[in-house]
């Protein structure tokens, strides 16, 4: 007979949550999904200081409890630590699931993922702009130009704009979020005043760009429209039209993976689900 302790799902979550890719709604959805199969949840934090020995001790304790599965909800501060200590999960004696925030490939062989899909999200925005006949488009991207999520959102944007257009893509200025980049964007806004759309790679850069344009006497929607990715609650006052991660769905998907027995040995480490964001329409871009 299965021991009662084996009906426990262990959740490790970031001690520095940003509430963009998951939040308490995700946890509640997970609990609701697995409750019908008789599971309960125990929560703990990913070691805040990134200490390997603390992580070893934590995983050992989880193993001793005989939990049925481990789910990890990281945030940006945890990414390198989890990657560098992925070897600790290779011989872990229970199925491991992890949220992949950026969507970038993660080389953790025995971990199954629920992943964000920045490429498809970019396609969604590009398709929307094409539908609304937007021709003058600027993407405000992260400054390095190398972040996986920034590159994929830009590539997806171009694909979406190209769809059904004879493979002809409207010109899109991919501008870094730097002082020089903002100056270039401002010149284009003045040139196409009232007929230009800014696509911000995330809400943080969107807010910074809006602050910059206000100082220059430019405002939404008279001078430009704006749509962004990552519906960050910290910037809700900007009323940004954004692509938002369906945080409730994320929690429910983890629950379904466990209750559908995908964690059995023949599937362990091979399950990967991509999640598309949903459009939240607000003041900066009306659909």
Protein backbone atom coordinates (compact mmCIF):
# COMPACT_ATOMS: atom_id res chain seq x y z
CA UNK A 1 0.00 0.00 0.00
CA UNK A 2 1.15 3.54 -0.72
CA UNK A 3 2.14 5.35 2.47
CA UNK A 4 0.34 8.57 3.29
CA UNK A 5 3.66 10.45 3.07
CA UNK A 6 3.92 9.42 -0.57
CA UNK A 7 0.88 11.52 -1.42
CA UNK A 8 2.88 14.70 -0.80
CA UNK A 9 4.12 17.05 -3.52
CA UNK A 10 7.10 19.16 -2.50
CA UNK A 11 7.30 22.69 -3.95
CA UNK A 12 10.48 24.77 -3.87
CA UNK A 13 9.97 28.41 -4.83
CA UNK A 14 12.17 31.47 -5.11
CA UNK A 15 12.69 33.63 -2.05
CA UNK A 16 12.86 36.64 -4.40
CA UNK A 17 9.66 36.29 -6.45
CA UNK A 18 8.82 38.83 -9.15
CA UNK A 19 5.23 37.57 -9.61
CA UNK A 20 5.43 37.59 -13.42
CA UNK A 21 5.61 33.90 -14.33
CA UNK A 22 3.92 32.47 -11.23
CA UNK A 23 2.30 33.66 -8.04
CA UNK A 24 0.04 32.44 -5.25
CA UNK A 25 -2.68 31.82 -7.84
CA UNK A 26 -0.38 29.22 -9.41
CA UNK A 27 0.01 27.46 -6.06
CA UNK A 28 -3.73 27.46 -5.43
CA UNK A 29 -4.42 26.04 -8.90
CA UNK A 30 -1.82 23.32 -8.29
CA UNK A 31 -3.41 22.41 -4.96
CA UNK A 32 -6.90 22.32 -6.47
CA UNK A 33 -5.74 20.08 -9.33
CA UNK A 34 -3.94 17.49 -7.22
CA UNK A 35 -6.44 17.44 -4.34
CA UNK A 36 -8.83 15.31 -6.41
CA UNK A 37 -6.15 12.60 -6.51
CA UNK A 38 -5.47 12.77 -2.79
CA UNK A 39 -2.22 14.75 -2.88
CA UNK A 40 -1.19 17.59 -0.59
CA UNK A 41 1.59 20.19 -0.94
CA UNK A 42 4.55 21.16 1.23
CA UNK A 43 6.34 24.44 0.44
CA UNK A 44 9.92 25.58 1.02
CA UNK A 45 12.34 28.14 -0.48
CA UNK A 46 15.18 27.61 -2.91
CA UNK A 47 18.33 28.48 -0.89
CA UNK A 48 18.35 32.28 -1.02
CA UNK A 49 22.15 32.68 -0.99
CA UNK A 50 22.72 29.96 -3.58
CA UNK A 51 24.57 27.70 -1.14
CA UNK A 52 25.15 24.20 -2.58
CA UNK A 53 25.34 22.54 0.83
CA UNK A 54 22.01 24.05 1.84
CA UNK A 55 20.54 22.70 -1.41
CA UNK A 56 22.02 19.24 -0.76
CA UNK A 57 20.50 19.18 2.72
CA UNK A 58 17.14 20.38 1.45
CA UNK A 59 16.94 17.74 -1.29
CA UNK A 60 18.02 15.05 1.16
CA UNK A 61 15.21 16.04 3.51
CA UNK A 62 12.70 15.92 0.66
CA UNK A 63 13.90 12.42 -0.26
CA UNK A 64 13.57 11.23 3.32
CA UNK A 65 9.94 12.37 3.47
CA UNK A 66 9.14 10.09 0.55
CA UNK A 67 7.38 12.79 -1.45
CA UNK A 68 5.79 11.79 -4.77
CA UNK A 69 7.25 14.66 -6.82
CA UNK A 70 9.26 17.85 -6.59
CA UNK A 71 8.22 21.07 -8.38
CA UNK A 72 10.59 24.05 -8.60
CA UNK A 73 9.33 27.60 -9.21
CA UNK A 74 12.50 29.72 -9.73
CA UNK A 75 12.97 33.38 -10.54
CA UNK A 76 15.82 35.20 -12.26
CA UNK A 77 18.09 35.21 -9.20
CA UNK A 78 17.95 31.40 -9.01
CA UNK A 79 18.68 30.51 -12.64
CA UNK A 80 22.48 30.16 -12.49
CA UNK A 81 22.40 28.38 -9.15
CA UNK A 82 19.92 25.76 -10.36
CA UNK A 83 21.81 25.23 -13.61
CA UNK A 84 25.17 24.87 -11.87
CA UNK A 85 23.76 22.38 -9.37
CA UNK A 86 21.64 20.39 -11.79
CA UNK A 87 23.77 17.30 -11.11
CA UNK A 88 22.08 16.96 -7.72
CA UNK A 89 18.84 16.05 -9.49
CA UNK A 90 20.30 13.30 -11.68
CA UNK A 91 19.85 10.54 -9.10
CA UNK A 92 16.95 12.12 -7.27
CA UNK A 93 14.52 9.39 -6.28
CA UNK A 94 11.35 11.09 -7.41
CA UNK A 95 10.11 12.95 -10.52
CA UNK A 96 11.24 16.59 -10.78
CA UNK A 97 9.38 19.38 -12.56
CA UNK A 98 10.55 22.94 -13.07
CA UNK A 99 9.17 26.16 -14.47
CA UNK A 100 11.39 27.45 -17.29
CA UNK A 101 10.82 31.21 -17.15
CA UNK A 102 12.89 32.29 -20.15
CA UNK A 103 12.10 29.40 -22.46
CA UNK A 104 15.81 28.90 -23.18
CA UNK A 105 16.94 25.27 -23.38
CA UNK A 106 17.95 23.97 -19.94
CA UNK A 107 20.33 21.00 -19.86
CA UNK A 108 18.86 19.23 -16.85
CA UNK A 109 18.37 15.69 -18.10
CA UNK A 110 16.08 14.34 -15.40
CA UNK A 111 13.83 17.38 -15.13
CA UNK A 112 10.53 17.91 -16.92
CA UNK A 113 9.53 21.47 -17.77
CA UNK A 114 6.59 23.79 -18.10
CA UNK A 115 8.21 26.47 -20.26
CA UNK A 116 7.45 29.96 -21.45
CA UNK A 117 7.43 30.39 -25.24
CA UNK A 118 8.84 33.83 -26.13
CA UNK A 119 8.99 32.99 -29.84
CA UNK A 120 5.27 32.22 -30.07
CA UNK A 121 4.47 35.26 -27.94
CA UNK A 122 6.40 37.40 -30.43
CA UNK A 123 4.41 35.84 -33.28
CA UNK A 124 1.16 36.71 -31.49
CA UNK A 125 2.15 40.37 -31.17
CA UNK A 126 3.37 40.53 -34.78
CA UNK A 127 0.11 39.02 -36.03
CA UNK A 128 -1.88 41.53 -33.98
CA UNK A 129 0.08 44.48 -35.38
CA UNK A 130 -0.34 43.18 -38.91
CA UNK A 131 -4.09 42.81 -38.36
CA UNK A 132 -4.23 46.48 -37.33
CA UNK A 133 -2.13 47.53 -40.34
CA UNK A 134 0.72 48.88 -38.21
CA UNK A 135 3.62 49.79 -40.49
CA UNK A 136 6.03 51.85 -38.43
CA UNK A 137 7.29 49.64 -35.61
CA UNK A 138 10.13 49.95 -33.10
CA UNK A 139 11.17 47.18 -30.74
CA UNK A 140 12.80 48.35 -27.52
CA UNK A 141 14.96 45.35 -26.64
CA UNK A 142 17.29 44.58 -23.75
CA UNK A 143 20.66 46.27 -24.07
CA UNK A 144 22.94 43.26 -24.70
CA UNK A 145 20.94 41.91 -27.62
CA UNK A 146 21.84 38.39 -26.45
CA UNK A 147 19.13 37.39 -23.99
CA UNK A 148 17.25 34.38 -25.33
CA UNK A 149 13.82 35.83 -24.57
CA UNK A 150 14.68 39.14 -26.26
CA UNK A 151 16.04 37.48 -29.39
CA UNK A 152 13.09 35.09 -29.70
CA UNK A 153 10.46 37.76 -29.14
CA UNK A 154 12.00 39.84 -31.91
CA UNK A 155 12.25 36.86 -34.28
CA UNK A 156 8.65 35.92 -33.53
CA UNK A 157 7.50 39.50 -34.07
CA UNK A 158 8.96 39.44 -37.59
CA UNK A 159 7.31 36.10 -38.37
CA UNK A 160 3.92 37.38 -37.21
CA UNK A 161 4.23 40.52 -39.33
CA UNK A 162 5.19 38.43 -42.35
CA UNK A 163 2.26 36.02 -42.20
CA UNK A 164 -0.03 36.25 -45.21
CA UNK A 165 2.02 39.11 -46.56
CA UNK A 166 3.90 37.29 -49.32
CA UNK A 167 6.79 36.76 -46.88
CA UNK A 168 7.41 40.49 -46.96
CA UNK A 169 8.21 41.85 -43.51
CA UNK A 170 7.58 45.51 -42.65
CA UNK A 171 10.69 47.29 -41.42
CA UNK A 172 11.14 46.93 -37.67
CA UNK A 173 13.80 48.89 -35.82
CA UNK A 174 15.30 46.65 -33.12
CA UNK A 175 16.68 49.25 -30.69
CA UNK A 176 18.54 48.54 -27.43
CA UNK A 177 17.29 50.05 -24.19
CA UNK A 178 20.15 52.53 -23.90
CA UNK A 179 20.35 56.31 -23.95
CA UNK A 180 21.49 56.24 -27.58
CA UNK A 181 18.74 53.76 -28.43
CA UNK A 182 16.08 55.92 -26.81
CA UNK A 183 17.32 58.95 -28.73
CA UNK A 184 17.02 57.03 -31.99
CA UNK A 185 13.52 55.91 -31.07
CA UNK A 186 12.52 59.48 -30.27
CA UNK A 187 13.68 60.66 -33.69
CA UNK A 188 11.45 58.04 -35.32
CA UNK A 189 8.49 58.93 -33.09
CA UNK A 190 8.81 62.56 -34.17
CA UNK A 191 9.01 61.47 -37.80
CA UNK A 192 5.92 59.25 -37.69
CA UNK A 193 4.09 61.04 -34.88
CA UNK A 194 0.76 59.35 -34.18
CA UNK A 195 1.46 56.51 -36.63
CA UNK A 196 4.07 54.40 -34.84
CA UNK A 197 4.02 51.48 -32.40
CA UNK A 198 6.61 50.66 -29.76
CA UNK A 199 7.00 46.98 -28.87
CA UNK A 200 8.79 46.74 -25.51
CA UNK A 201 10.56 43.48 -24.69
CA UNK A 202 9.13 43.62 -21.17
CA UNK A 203 7.17 45.89 -18.84
CA UNK A 204 10.24 47.26 -17.10
CA UNK A 205 11.72 48.63 -20.32
CA UNK A 206 8.29 49.83 -21.39
CA UNK A 207 7.93 51.89 -18.21
CA UNK A 208 11.43 53.33 -18.50
CA UNK A 209 10.80 54.31 -22.11
CA UNK A 210 7.48 55.96 -21.27
CA UNK A 211 9.19 57.96 -18.51
CA UNK A 212 11.84 59.05 -21.01
CA UNK A 213 9.31 60.13 -23.63
CA UNK A 214 7.28 62.09 -21.10
CA UNK A 215 10.38 64.12 -20.30
CA UNK A 216 10.62 64.85 -24.03
CA UNK A 217 6.99 65.99 -24.21
CA UNK A 218 5.71 62.85 -25.96
CA UNK A 219 2.62 60.98 -24.78
CA UNK A 220 0.48 57.89 -25.44
CA UNK A 221 -1.63 57.65 -27.57
CA UNK A 222 -1.25 61.00 -29.29
CA UNK A 223 2.38 60.45 -30.33
CA UNK A 224 2.77 56.66 -30.26
CA UNK A 225 1.18 53.42 -29.10
CA UNK A 226 2.91 50.73 -27.08
CA UNK A 227 2.54 46.99 -26.45
CA UNK A 228 4.81 44.95 -24.19
CA UNK A 229 5.64 41.49 -22.85
CA UNK A 230 5.70 40.22 -19.24
CA UNK A 231 2.74 41.68 -17.39
CA UNK A 232 4.68 42.82 -14.35
CA UNK A 233 2.46 43.96 -11.43
CA UNK A 234 5.12 46.50 -10.39
CA UNK A 235 4.24 48.58 -13.46
CA UNK A 236 0.47 48.22 -13.42
CA UNK A 237 0.04 51.99 -12.97
CA UNK A 238 1.33 52.50 -16.54
CA UNK A 239 -1.76 50.70 -17.94
CA UNK A 240 0.42 48.71 -20.34
CA UNK A 241 -1.15 46.49 -22.95
CA UNK A 242 0.90 43.34 -22.37
CA UNK A 243 1.35 39.67 -23.07
CA UNK A 244 0.77 38.04 -19.68
CA UNK A 245 1.77 34.59 -18.48
CA UNK A 246 -1.41 32.67 -17.49
CA UNK A 247 -0.17 32.04 -13.94
CA UNK A 248 -3.20 30.00 -12.92
CA UNK A 249 -2.77 27.73 -15.93
CA UNK A 250 0.90 27.19 -15.03
CA UNK A 251 -0.04 25.76 -11.63
CA UNK A 252 -2.80 23.65 -13.10
CA UNK A 253 -0.45 22.17 -15.73
CA UNK A 254 1.97 20.95 -13.07
CA UNK A 255 -0.93 19.32 -11.29
CA UNK A 256 -2.12 17.60 -14.45
CA UNK A 257 1.36 16.27 -15.20
CA UNK A 258 1.48 14.63 -11.80
CA UNK A 259 -2.07 13.30 -11.71
CA UNK A 260 -1.85 11.99 -15.28
CA UNK A 261 1.08 9.81 -14.16
CA UNK A 262 3.52 11.35 -16.64
CA UNK A 263 6.14 11.04 -13.89
CA UNK A 264 6.33 7.25 -14.26
CA UNK A 265 9.80 5.93 -15.01
CA UNK A 266 9.37 5.61 -18.78
CA UNK A 267 8.49 9.32 -19.06
CA UNK A 268 10.69 10.77 -16.36
CA UNK A 269 12.66 13.75 -17.60
CA UNK A 270 11.03 13.72 -21.03
CA UNK A 271 7.92 15.82 -20.48
CA UNK A 272 8.06 19.42 -21.71
CA UNK A 273 5.09 21.73 -22.19
CA UNK A 274 5.22 25.23 -23.67
CA UNK A 275 2.81 27.87 -22.42
CA UNK A 276 1.63 30.80 -24.53
CA UNK A 277 0.97 34.15 -22.90
CA UNK A 278 -2.38 35.92 -23.12
CA UNK A 279 -3.03 39.48 -24.29
CA UNK A 280 -4.09 41.97 -21.62
CA UNK A 281 -5.54 45.06 -23.33
CA UNK A 282 -5.12 48.36 -21.54
CA UNK A 283 -4.61 52.03 -22.39
CA UNK A 284 -1.32 51.95 -24.32
CA UNK A 285 -2.66 49.88 -27.23
CA UNK A 286 -6.36 49.44 -27.88
CA UNK A 287 -7.46 46.38 -29.85
